[in-house]
Amino acid sequence: MSEMTRFGADLIQALSEALADAQGENVPGMKLHDVPLTPSTHDLEALSTGRSSK
């Protein structure tokens, strides 16, 4: 089997950390951002159809 690339190793680590966070574990160094969504800031129909809401 060939040696893993740096990108591959980083990707596996990132996905492992994301899984740990999703399972409620504390992941040192992880930053979470809360982005509030209101009806004026998103349009689900526009996202699903690809049309612009403006």
PDB file of N, CA and C in Angstrom:
ATOM      1  N   MET A   1       0.851  -1.183   0.000  1.00  0.00           N
ATOM      2  CA  MET A   1       0.000   0.000   0.000  1.00  0.00           C
ATOM      3  C   MET A   1       0.895   1.243   0.000  1.00  0.00           C
ATOM      4  N   SER A   2       0.478   2.261  -0.716  1.00  0.00           N
ATOM      5  CA  SER A   2       1.307   3.464  -0.826  1.00  0.00           C
ATOM      6  C   SER A   2       1.188   4.343   0.416  1.00  0.00           C
ATOM      7  N   GLU A   3       2.174   5.214   0.585  1.00  0.00           N
ATOM      8  CA  GLU A   3       2.207   6.123   1.722  1.00  0.00           C
ATOM      9  C   GLU A   3       1.115   7.193   1.568  1.00  0.00           C
ATOM     10  N   MET A   4       0.485   7.547   2.677  1.00  0.00           N
ATOM     11  CA  MET A   4      -0.572   8.550   2.646  1.00  0.00           C
ATOM     12  C   MET A   4       0.031   9.947   2.444  1.00  0.00           C
ATOM     13  N   THR A   5      -0.654  10.758   1.665  1.00  0.00           N
ATOM     14  CA  THR A   5      -0.207  12.133   1.457  1.00  0.00           C
ATOM     15  C   THR A   5      -0.528  12.975   2.689  1.00  0.00           C
ATOM     16  N   ARG A   6       0.100  14.114   2.791  1.00  0.00           N
ATOM     17  CA  ARG A   6      -0.164  15.038   3.896  1.00  0.00           C
ATOM     18  C   ARG A   6      -1.626  15.476   3.856  1.00  0.00           C
ATOM     19  N   PHE A   7      -2.141  15.728   2.649  1.00  0.00           N
ATOM     20  CA  PHE A   7      -3.541  16.116   2.497  1.00  0.00           C
ATOM     21  C   PHE A   7      -4.464  15.017   3.034  1.00  0.00           C
ATOM     22  N   GLY A   8      -4.173  13.782   2.682  1.00  0.00           N
ATOM     23  CA  GLY A   8      -4.997  12.663   3.145  1.00  0.00           C
ATOM     24  C   GLY A   8      -5.004  12.554   4.656  1.00  0.00           C
ATOM     25  N   ALA A   9      -3.824  12.700   5.263  1.00  0.00           N
ATOM     26  CA  ALA A   9      -3.721  12.624   6.720  1.00  0.00           C
ATOM     27  C   ALA A   9      -4.488  13.764   7.380  1.00  0.00           C
ATOM     28  N   ASP A  10      -4.369  14.975   6.831  1.00  0.00           N
ATOM     29  CA  ASP A  10      -5.088  16.136   7.381  1.00  0.00           C
ATOM     30  C   ASP A  10      -6.591  15.952   7.246  1.00  0.00           C
ATOM     31  N   LEU A  11      -7.033  15.410   6.117  1.00  0.00           N
ATOM     32  CA  LEU A  11      -8.460  15.196   5.886  1.00  0.00           C
ATOM     33  C   LEU A  11      -9.026  14.186   6.880  1.00  0.00           C
ATOM     34  N   ILE A  12      -8.316  13.095   7.093  1.00  0.00           N
ATOM     35  CA  ILE A  12      -8.768  12.086   8.057  1.00  0.00           C
ATOM     36  C   ILE A  12      -8.830  12.675   9.460  1.00  0.00           C
ATOM     37  N   GLN A  13      -7.841  13.475   9.835  1.00  0.00           N
ATOM     38  CA  GLN A  13      -7.845  14.098  11.162  1.00  0.00           C
ATOM     39  C   GLN A  13      -9.034  15.051  11.294  1.00  0.00           C
ATOM     40  N   ALA A  14      -9.280  15.873  10.279  1.00  0.00           N
ATOM     41  CA  ALA A  14     -10.388  16.832  10.336  1.00  0.00           C
ATOM     42  C   ALA A  14     -11.729  16.118  10.450  1.00  0.00           C
ATOM     43  N   LEU A  15     -11.912  15.056   9.689  1.00  0.00           N
ATOM     44  CA  LEU A  15     -13.176  14.319   9.751  1.00  0.00           C
ATOM     45  C   LEU A  15     -13.338  13.603  11.088  1.00  0.00           C
ATOM     46  N   SER A  16     -12.245  13.116  11.644  1.00  0.00           N
ATOM     47  CA  SER A  16     -12.293  12.476  12.965  1.00  0.00           C
ATOM     48  C   SER A  16     -12.701  13.495  14.035  1.00  0.00           C
ATOM     49  N   GLU A  17     -12.156  14.710  13.937  1.00  0.00           N
ATOM     50  CA  GLU A  17     -12.522  15.763  14.886  1.00  0.00           C
ATOM     51  C   GLU A  17     -13.977  16.178  14.712  1.00  0.00           C
ATOM     52  N   ALA A  18     -14.448  16.267  13.483  1.00  0.00           N
ATOM     53  CA  ALA A  18     -15.846  16.632  13.240  1.00  0.00           C
ATOM     54  C   ALA A  18     -16.781  15.567  13.811  1.00  0.00           C
ATOM     55  N   LEU A  19     -16.433  14.305  13.648  1.00  0.00           N
ATOM     56  CA  LEU A  19     -17.239  13.220  14.201  1.00  0.00           C
ATOM     57  C   LEU A  19     -17.254  13.286  15.723  1.00  0.00           C
ATOM     58  N   ALA A  20     -16.096  13.513  16.325  1.00  0.00           N
ATOM     59  CA  ALA A  20     -16.023  13.612  17.784  1.00  0.00           C
ATOM     60  C   ALA A  20     -16.907  14.751  18.288  1.00  0.00           C
ATOM     61  N   ASP A  21     -16.874  15.890  17.608  1.00  0.00           N
ATOM     62  CA  ASP A  21     -17.716  17.025  18.009  1.00  0.00           C
ATOM     63  C   ASP A  21     -19.189  16.673  17.858  1.00  0.00           C
ATOM     64  N   ALA A  22     -19.545  16.024  16.756  1.00  0.00           N
ATOM     65  CA  ALA A  22     -20.946  15.644  16.530  1.00  0.00           C
ATOM     66  C   ALA A  22     -21.444  14.666  17.587  1.00  0.00           C
ATOM     67  N   GLN A  23     -20.519  13.888  18.151  1.00  0.00           N
ATOM     68  CA  GLN A  23     -20.885  12.930  19.193  1.00  0.00           C
ATOM     69  C   GLN A  23     -20.828  13.553  20.587  1.00  0.00           C
ATOM     70  N   GLY A  24     -20.583  14.866  20.648  1.00  0.00           N
ATOM     71  CA  GLY A  24     -20.620  15.586  21.920  1.00  0.00           C
ATOM     72  C   GLY A  24     -19.307  15.621  22.682  1.00  0.00           C
ATOM     73  N   GLU A  25     -18.235  15.171  22.055  1.00  0.00           N
ATOM     74  CA  GLU A  25     -16.940  15.187  22.731  1.00  0.00           C
ATOM     75  C   GLU A  25     -16.312  16.575  22.643  1.00  0.00           C
ATOM     76  N   ASN A  26     -15.457  16.891  23.615  1.00  0.00           N
ATOM     77  CA  ASN A  26     -14.721  18.145  23.592  1.00  0.00           C
ATOM     78  C   ASN A  26     -13.530  17.974  22.648  1.00  0.00           C
ATOM     79  N   VAL A  27     -13.423  18.854  21.659  1.00  0.00           N
ATOM     80  CA  VAL A  27     -12.320  18.792  20.706  1.00  0.00           C
ATOM     81  C   VAL A  27     -11.465  20.039  20.906  1.00  0.00           C
ATOM     82  N   PRO A  28     -10.262  19.883  21.493  1.00  0.00           N
ATOM     83  CA  PRO A  28      -9.399  21.035  21.750  1.00  0.00           C
ATOM     84  C   PRO A  28      -9.081  21.800  20.461  1.00  0.00           C
ATOM     85  N   GLY A  29      -9.186  23.129  20.542  1.00  0.00           N
ATOM     86  CA  GLY A  29      -8.840  23.971  19.403  1.00  0.00           C
ATOM     87  C   GLY A  29      -9.958  24.183  18.403  1.00  0.00           C
ATOM     88  N   MET A  30     -11.073  23.459  18.552  1.00  0.00           N
ATOM     89  CA  MET A  30     -12.168  23.613  17.590  1.00  0.00           C
ATOM     90  C   MET A  30     -12.926  24.895  17.903  1.00  0.00           C
ATOM     91  N   LYS A  31     -13.212  25.686  16.864  1.00  0.00           N
ATOM     92  CA  LYS A  31     -13.984  26.905  17.010  1.00  0.00           C
ATOM     93  C   LYS A  31     -15.333  26.716  16.341  1.00  0.00           C
ATOM     94  N   LEU A  32     -16.379  27.035  17.057  1.00  0.00           N
ATOM     95  CA  LEU A  32     -17.728  26.944  16.520  1.00  0.00           C
ATOM     96  C   LEU A  32     -18.275  28.344  16.342  1.00  0.00           C
ATOM     97  N   HIS A  33     -18.953  28.573  15.242  1.00  0.00           N
ATOM     98  CA  HIS A  33     -19.525  29.880  14.953  1.00  0.00           C
ATOM     99  C   HIS A  33     -21.032  29.734  14.822  1.00  0.00           C
ATOM    100  N   ASP A  34     -21.754  30.572  15.533  1.00  0.00           N
ATOM    101  CA  ASP A  34     -23.205  30.589  15.466  1.00  0.00           C
ATOM    102  C   ASP A  34     -23.621  31.683  14.487  1.00  0.00           C
ATOM    103  N   VAL A  35     -24.250  31.279  13.400  1.00  0.00           N
ATOM    104  CA  VAL A  35     -24.681  32.233  12.388  1.00  0.00           C
ATOM    105  C   VAL A  35     -26.207  32.217  12.365  1.00  0.00           C
ATOM    106  N   PRO A  36     -26.824  33.268  12.889  1.00  0.00           N
ATOM    107  CA  PRO A  36     -28.288  33.293  12.915  1.00  0.00           C
ATOM    108  C   PRO A  36     -28.870  33.455  11.507  1.00  0.00           C
ATOM    109  N   LEU A  37     -29.900  32.701  11.239  1.00  0.00           N
ATOM    110  CA  LEU A  37     -30.592  32.801   9.958  1.00  0.00           C
ATOM    111  C   LEU A  37     -31.999  33.310  10.209  1.00  0.00           C
ATOM    112  N   THR A  38     -32.373  34.295   9.464  1.00  0.00           N
ATOM    113  CA  THR A  38     -33.726  34.826   9.551  1.00  0.00           C
ATOM    114  C   THR A  38     -34.355  34.733   8.164  1.00  0.00           C
ATOM    115  N   PRO A  39     -35.653  34.822   8.076  1.00  0.00           N
ATOM    116  CA  PRO A  39     -36.281  34.731   6.751  1.00  0.00           C
ATOM    117  C   PRO A  39     -35.715  35.738   5.740  1.00  0.00           C
ATOM    118  N   SER A  40     -35.220  36.873   6.212  1.00  0.00           N
ATOM    119  CA  SER A  40     -34.696  37.868   5.280  1.00  0.00           C
ATOM    120  C   SER A  40     -33.284  37.532   4.794  1.00  0.00           C
ATOM    121  N   THR A  41     -32.592  36.602   5.478  1.00  0.00           N
ATOM    122  CA  THR A  41     -31.214  36.299   5.081  1.00  0.00           C
ATOM    123  C   THR A  41     -31.087  35.010   4.277  1.00  0.00           C
ATOM    124  N   HIS A  42     -32.165  34.264   4.139  1.00  0.00           N
ATOM    125  CA  HIS A  42     -32.083  33.051   3.324  1.00  0.00           C
ATOM    126  C   HIS A  42     -33.393  32.793   2.606  1.00  0.00           C
ATOM    127  N   ASP A  43     -33.293  32.145   1.495  1.00  0.00           N
ATOM    128  CA  ASP A  43     -34.456  31.814   0.690  1.00  0.00           C
ATOM    129  C   ASP A  43     -34.258  30.378   0.196  1.00  0.00           C
ATOM    130  N   LEU A  44     -34.888  29.418   0.876  1.00  0.00           N
ATOM    131  CA  LEU A  44     -34.678  28.012   0.553  1.00  0.00           C
ATOM    132  C   LEU A  44     -35.110  27.695  -0.870  1.00  0.00           C
ATOM    133  N   GLU A  45     -36.185  28.317  -1.343  1.00  0.00           N
ATOM    134  CA  GLU A  45     -36.617  28.061  -2.712  1.00  0.00           C
ATOM    135  C   GLU A  45     -35.558  28.521  -3.705  1.00  0.00           C
ATOM    136  N   ALA A  46     -34.967  29.684  -3.452  1.00  0.00           N
ATOM    137  CA  ALA A  46     -33.921  30.190  -4.347  1.00  0.00           C
ATOM    138  C   ALA A  46     -32.707  29.260  -4.335  1.00  0.00           C
ATOM    139  N   LEU A  47     -32.371  28.732  -3.169  1.00  0.00           N
ATOM    140  CA  LEU A  47     -31.233  27.816  -3.084  1.00  0.00           C
ATOM    141  C   LEU A  47     -31.508  26.537  -3.865  1.00  0.00           C
ATOM    142  N   SER A  48     -32.732  26.024  -3.778  1.00  0.00           N
ATOM    143  CA  SER A  48     -33.035  24.755  -4.430  1.00  0.00           C
ATOM    144  C   SER A  48     -33.242  24.905  -5.938  1.00  0.00           C
ATOM    145  N   THR A  49     -33.651  26.086  -6.380  1.00  0.00           N
ATOM    146  CA  THR A  49     -33.902  26.265  -7.823  1.00  0.00           C
ATOM    147  C   THR A  49     -32.773  26.986  -8.531  1.00  0.00           C
ATOM    148  N   GLY A  50     -31.871  27.613  -7.770  1.00  0.00           N
ATOM    149  CA  GLY A  50     -30.753  28.323  -8.368  1.00  0.00           C
ATOM    150  C   GLY A  50     -31.098  29.726  -8.814  1.00  0.00           C
ATOM    151  N   ARG A  51     -32.301  30.194  -8.515  1.00  0.00           N
ATOM    152  CA  ARG A  51     -32.682  31.562  -8.916  1.00  0.00           C
ATOM    153  C   ARG A  51     -32.294  32.536  -7.819  1.00  0.00           C
ATOM    154  N   SER A  52     -32.080  33.761  -8.186  1.00  0.00           N
ATOM    155  CA  SER A  52     -31.741  34.800  -7.223  1.00  0.00           C
ATOM    156  C   SER A  52     -33.011  35.356  -6.620  1.00  0.00           C
ATOM    157  N   SER A  53     -32.973  35.618  -5.321  1.00  0.00           N
ATOM    158  CA  SER A  53     -34.152  36.175  -4.652  1.00  0.00           C
ATOM    159  C   SER A  53     -34.176  37.687  -4.698  1.00  0.00           C
ATOM    160  N   LYS A  54     -33.163  38.311  -5.304  1.00  0.00           N
ATOM    161  CA  LYS A  54     -33.110  39.778  -5.369  1.00  0.00           C
ATOM    162  C   LYS A  54     -33.148  40.242  -6.787  1.00  0.00           C
TER     163      LYS A  54
END
